[in-house]
Amino acid sequence: MKDALLKSAKDLAALRKGLLPGESAEYAAARTALLAEEIEARRHLTRLAEMRHALPQGPVVEKDYRFKDANGSEVGLADLFGEHDTLVTYFWMYGPDRERPCPMCTNFLGGVNGNAADIKQRAAFKILGRSTVERQTAFALERGWRDLDFVQTVGDDYAVDHNALDPETGWEFPAFAVFRREGGTVRYFYTADMPAEAADPGQDPRGAVDIAPLWNILDMTPDGRGEDWYPKLSY
């Protein structure tokens, strides 16, 4: 995105045409000011995407992480790419000691399931968990998920190395990572590295781009996300 070619966000917001029947001058002014900020936010998100795309070559994945696929075969990280050169992974909190998976992970996967078939046109997309594929798939069928590909991590090296498991407490955490394959070499491209300590006052830890549809929708409502509300596995 070439900043020199961009028009003023305030000037563009002034072109707002979707005036609502009966809106007050106060509402119109506030909505126009908000629109200017939304234009700036969109541009900033575009810059973030461009910065990701321009990242220098990532480190080589040296460790031979092992997984079990849906066929029960033990495979390596490179095998998860299939026909693609890019692999998107999401490690969800559904270890063998959990009776049920994490509600937040479940909420995210429920939303991404609807986009998984499209994502897999551009990149390999795998959901990683410490439970067996059979156990993960059984829950997926219960939820009506049809387009997610589940993989079991063999051992805990992958989870520990990617900050998805605390070996001392046994606590699990979600982990999002994108890998790139170059010939026979697999490299890291991007990982969600936002530390919990980076959370702003009054907010739960979250990344600069919230990939969960739930929160993006609630952010557009009068009461927002709420201070103590979280999704559940059932209502």
Protein backbone atom coordinates (compact mmCIF):
# COMPACT_ATOMS: atom_id res chain seq x y z
CA MET A 1 0.00 0.00 0.00
CA LYS A 2 1.53 3.31 -1.10
CA ASP A 3 0.73 5.90 1.55
CA ALA A 4 1.44 8.76 -0.85
CA LEU A 5 -1.57 7.73 -2.94
CA LEU A 6 -3.99 7.57 -0.02
CA LYS A 7 -6.64 10.20 0.41
CA SER A 8 -7.38 11.71 3.80
CA ALA A 9 -9.46 9.34 5.91
CA LYS A 10 -11.43 12.30 7.21
CA ASP A 11 -12.23 13.45 3.67
CA LEU A 12 -13.29 9.95 2.66
CA ALA A 13 -15.46 9.60 5.75
CA ALA A 14 -17.23 12.85 4.84
CA LEU A 15 -18.52 11.04 1.73
CA ARG A 16 -20.65 8.79 3.93
CA LYS A 17 -23.91 8.21 2.10
CA GLY A 18 -25.64 5.68 4.30
CA LEU A 19 -27.52 8.27 6.31
CA LEU A 20 -30.12 6.58 8.48
CA PRO A 21 -33.72 7.77 8.53
CA GLY A 22 -34.18 10.16 11.41
CA GLU A 23 -30.56 10.22 12.59
CA SER A 24 -29.63 13.31 14.58
CA ALA A 25 -26.84 15.68 13.64
CA GLU A 26 -24.99 14.49 16.75
CA TYR A 27 -25.23 10.84 15.65
CA ALA A 28 -24.21 11.69 12.08
CA ALA A 29 -21.14 13.61 13.28
CA ALA A 30 -20.11 10.84 15.66
CA ARG A 31 -20.63 8.14 13.02
CA THR A 32 -18.60 10.11 10.45
CA ALA A 33 -15.76 10.54 12.95
CA LEU A 34 -15.90 6.82 13.69
CA LEU A 35 -15.82 6.03 9.97
CA ALA A 36 -12.60 8.03 9.61
CA GLU A 37 -11.04 5.93 12.37
CA GLU A 38 -12.32 2.74 10.75
CA ILE A 39 -10.63 3.74 7.49
CA GLU A 40 -7.38 4.35 9.38
CA ALA A 41 -7.74 1.00 11.18
CA ARG A 42 -8.30 -0.80 7.87
CA ARG A 43 -5.18 0.81 6.47
CA HIS A 44 -3.18 -0.17 9.52
CA LEU A 45 -4.36 -3.78 9.22
CA THR A 46 -3.25 -3.70 5.58
CA ARG A 47 0.18 -2.46 6.68
CA LEU A 48 0.40 -5.26 9.23
CA ALA A 49 -0.39 -7.81 6.53
CA GLU A 50 2.25 -6.30 4.25
CA MET A 51 4.81 -6.44 7.08
CA ARG A 52 4.02 -10.11 7.60
CA HIS A 53 4.36 -10.84 3.89
CA ALA A 54 7.72 -9.04 3.87
CA LEU A 55 9.19 -10.91 6.85
CA PRO A 56 12.73 -12.13 6.15
CA GLN A 57 13.34 -15.84 5.81
CA GLY A 58 12.30 -17.54 9.03
CA PRO A 59 14.34 -20.05 11.01
CA VAL A 60 14.53 -23.65 9.90
CA VAL A 61 12.48 -26.13 11.91
CA GLU A 62 15.32 -28.31 13.13
CA LYS A 63 13.45 -30.71 15.41
CA ASP A 64 11.73 -33.73 13.92
CA TYR A 65 8.27 -33.20 15.37
CA ARG A 66 6.06 -36.24 14.94
CA PHE A 67 2.32 -36.46 14.44
CA LYS A 68 -0.40 -39.03 13.78
CA ASP A 69 -2.80 -38.28 10.95
CA ALA A 70 -6.38 -39.40 10.34
CA ASN A 71 -5.12 -42.69 8.90
CA GLY A 72 -3.21 -43.51 12.07
CA SER A 73 0.11 -43.06 10.28
CA GLU A 74 3.01 -41.33 12.03
CA VAL A 75 4.21 -38.41 9.94
CA GLY A 76 6.55 -35.46 10.16
CA LEU A 77 5.79 -31.76 9.89
CA ALA A 78 6.76 -31.70 6.20
CA ASP A 79 4.14 -34.36 5.48
CA LEU A 80 1.34 -32.09 6.71
CA PHE A 81 1.83 -29.71 3.76
CA GLY A 82 0.33 -32.05 1.19
CA GLU A 83 0.44 -30.34 -2.22
CA HIS A 84 0.97 -26.87 -0.74
CA ASP A 85 4.10 -24.95 0.22
CA THR A 86 2.34 -23.17 3.10
CA LEU A 87 0.96 -24.85 6.21
CA VAL A 88 -1.38 -23.12 8.66
CA THR A 89 -1.73 -24.80 12.06
CA TYR A 90 -3.86 -24.20 15.13
CA PHE A 91 -3.10 -26.10 18.31
CA TRP A 92 -6.23 -26.38 20.38
CA MET A 93 -6.65 -27.13 24.04
CA TYR A 94 -7.95 -30.70 23.97
CA GLY A 95 -5.38 -32.81 25.71
CA PRO A 96 -5.97 -36.41 26.79
CA ASP A 97 -6.66 -35.33 30.37
CA ARG A 98 -9.46 -32.95 29.38
CA GLU A 99 -12.97 -34.36 29.52
CA ARG A 100 -14.10 -31.74 27.00
CA PRO A 101 -12.11 -29.27 24.88
CA CYS A 102 -11.62 -25.61 25.67
CA PRO A 103 -14.82 -23.61 24.97
CA MET A 104 -12.84 -20.72 23.47
CA CYS A 105 -10.95 -23.03 21.10
CA THR A 106 -14.24 -24.71 20.25
CA ASN A 107 -15.83 -21.37 19.44
CA PHE A 108 -12.97 -20.41 17.15
CA LEU A 109 -12.94 -23.75 15.33
CA GLY A 110 -16.69 -23.61 14.85
CA GLY A 111 -16.27 -20.35 12.99
CA VAL A 112 -13.23 -21.38 10.98
CA ASN A 113 -14.86 -24.66 9.94
CA GLY A 114 -17.06 -22.70 7.57
CA ASN A 115 -13.98 -21.27 5.87
CA ALA A 116 -11.72 -24.31 5.99
CA ALA A 117 -12.59 -25.62 2.52
CA ASP A 118 -11.69 -22.23 1.05
CA ILE A 119 -8.50 -21.87 3.11
CA LYS A 120 -7.33 -25.27 1.87
CA GLN A 121 -7.42 -24.02 -1.70
CA ARG A 122 -4.53 -21.71 -0.83
CA ALA A 123 -2.69 -23.52 1.98
CA ALA A 124 -2.67 -26.69 4.01
CA PHE A 125 -4.67 -26.24 7.19
CA LYS A 126 -4.32 -28.59 10.17
CA ILE A 127 -5.77 -28.58 13.66
CA LEU A 128 -3.29 -30.05 16.14
CA GLY A 129 -4.18 -31.59 19.48
CA ARG A 130 -2.69 -33.86 22.11
CA SER A 131 -5.71 -36.18 22.06
CA THR A 132 -6.04 -38.93 19.49
CA VAL A 133 -7.44 -38.02 16.10
CA GLU A 134 -10.39 -40.31 16.81
CA ARG A 135 -11.22 -38.35 19.94
CA GLN A 136 -10.84 -35.01 18.22
CA THR A 137 -12.91 -36.14 15.25
CA ALA A 138 -15.67 -37.50 17.49
CA PHE A 139 -16.10 -34.07 19.02
CA ALA A 140 -15.98 -32.45 15.59
CA LEU A 141 -18.81 -34.67 14.38
CA GLU A 142 -20.78 -33.80 17.48
CA ARG A 143 -20.45 -30.13 16.57
CA GLY A 144 -21.20 -30.69 12.89
CA TRP A 145 -17.71 -29.74 11.70
CA ARG A 146 -16.98 -31.32 8.33
CA ASP A 147 -14.02 -29.49 6.83
CA LEU A 148 -11.37 -29.48 9.56
CA ASP A 149 -8.39 -31.85 9.40
CA PHE A 150 -7.23 -33.04 12.83
CA VAL A 151 -3.76 -34.29 13.72
CA GLN A 152 -2.41 -35.68 16.98
CA THR A 153 0.91 -34.48 18.31
CA VAL A 154 3.13 -37.43 19.26
CA GLY A 155 4.73 -36.64 22.57
CA ASP A 156 4.71 -33.13 23.99
CA ASP A 157 7.77 -31.61 22.30
CA TYR A 158 5.73 -29.63 19.79
CA ALA A 159 3.34 -28.29 22.41
CA VAL A 160 6.10 -27.35 24.86
CA ASP A 161 8.37 -25.79 22.24
CA HIS A 162 5.52 -23.64 20.91
CA ASN A 163 4.32 -22.46 24.32
CA ALA A 164 1.14 -24.52 24.05
CA LEU A 165 1.86 -26.64 27.13
CA ASP A 166 3.40 -25.84 30.49
CA PRO A 167 5.22 -29.07 31.43
CA GLU A 168 5.21 -28.12 35.10
CA THR A 169 1.48 -27.46 35.50
CA GLY A 170 0.08 -29.37 32.52
CA TRP A 171 -1.87 -26.28 31.46
CA GLU A 172 -2.52 -25.96 27.75
CA PHE A 173 -2.66 -22.84 25.62
CA PRO A 174 -3.74 -22.25 22.00
CA ALA A 175 -0.97 -21.79 19.44
CA PHE A 176 -1.22 -20.45 15.90
CA ALA A 177 1.71 -21.03 13.56
CA VAL A 178 2.33 -20.77 9.82
CA PHE A 179 5.13 -22.71 8.15
CA ARG A 180 6.71 -22.47 4.71
CA ARG A 181 8.27 -25.36 2.79
CA GLU A 182 11.17 -24.68 0.46
CA GLY A 183 12.20 -27.89 -1.24
CA GLY A 184 13.00 -30.29 1.58
CA THR A 185 13.34 -27.55 4.17
CA VAL A 186 10.55 -26.36 6.48
CA ARG A 187 10.80 -22.89 7.97
CA TYR A 188 8.72 -20.83 10.33
CA PHE A 189 6.92 -18.03 8.56
CA TYR A 190 4.75 -16.55 11.32
CA THR A 191 3.70 -17.42 14.86
CA ALA A 192 1.27 -15.60 17.11
CA ASP A 193 3.72 -14.40 19.74
CA MET A 194 1.68 -11.83 21.70
CA PRO A 195 2.66 -12.39 25.37
CA ALA A 196 -0.01 -12.35 28.06
CA GLU A 197 1.86 -9.47 29.69
CA ALA A 198 1.09 -7.32 26.63
CA ALA A 199 -2.62 -7.28 27.42
CA ASP A 200 -3.94 -3.77 28.04
CA PRO A 201 -5.65 -2.96 31.37
CA GLY A 202 -9.09 -4.50 31.61
CA GLN A 203 -8.59 -6.74 28.58
CA ASP A 204 -7.89 -10.42 28.11
CA PRO A 205 -4.68 -11.23 26.22
CA ARG A 206 -5.32 -11.19 22.50
CA GLY A 207 -3.46 -10.63 19.28
CA ALA A 208 -3.34 -7.46 17.22
CA VAL A 209 -5.66 -9.14 14.72
CA ASP A 210 -8.48 -11.04 16.41
CA ILE A 211 -9.17 -14.03 14.20
CA ALA A 212 -12.24 -15.17 16.14
CA PRO A 213 -15.49 -14.08 14.41
CA LEU A 214 -17.32 -14.05 17.75
CA TRP A 215 -15.38 -11.12 19.18
CA ASN A 216 -15.41 -9.14 15.96
CA ILE A 217 -19.20 -9.33 15.84
CA LEU A 218 -19.64 -8.47 19.52
CA ASP A 219 -17.28 -5.51 19.15
CA MET A 220 -19.93 -3.96 16.89
CA THR A 221 -22.70 -4.22 19.48
CA PRO A 222 -23.58 -1.62 22.14
CA ASP A 223 -22.32 -3.72 25.07
CA GLY A 224 -19.30 -5.17 23.27
CA ARG A 225 -17.57 -8.28 24.58
CA GLY A 226 -18.58 -7.76 28.18
CA GLU A 227 -16.17 -7.96 31.09
CA ASP A 228 -16.79 -11.50 32.29
CA TRP A 229 -18.69 -13.30 29.53
CA TYR A 230 -17.17 -16.22 27.65
CA PRO A 231 -18.64 -18.78 25.26
CA LYS A 232 -19.67 -22.20 26.59
CA LEU A 233 -19.84 -25.61 25.01
CA SER A 234 -23.60 -25.63 25.50
CA TYR A 235 -26.36 -23.22 26.56
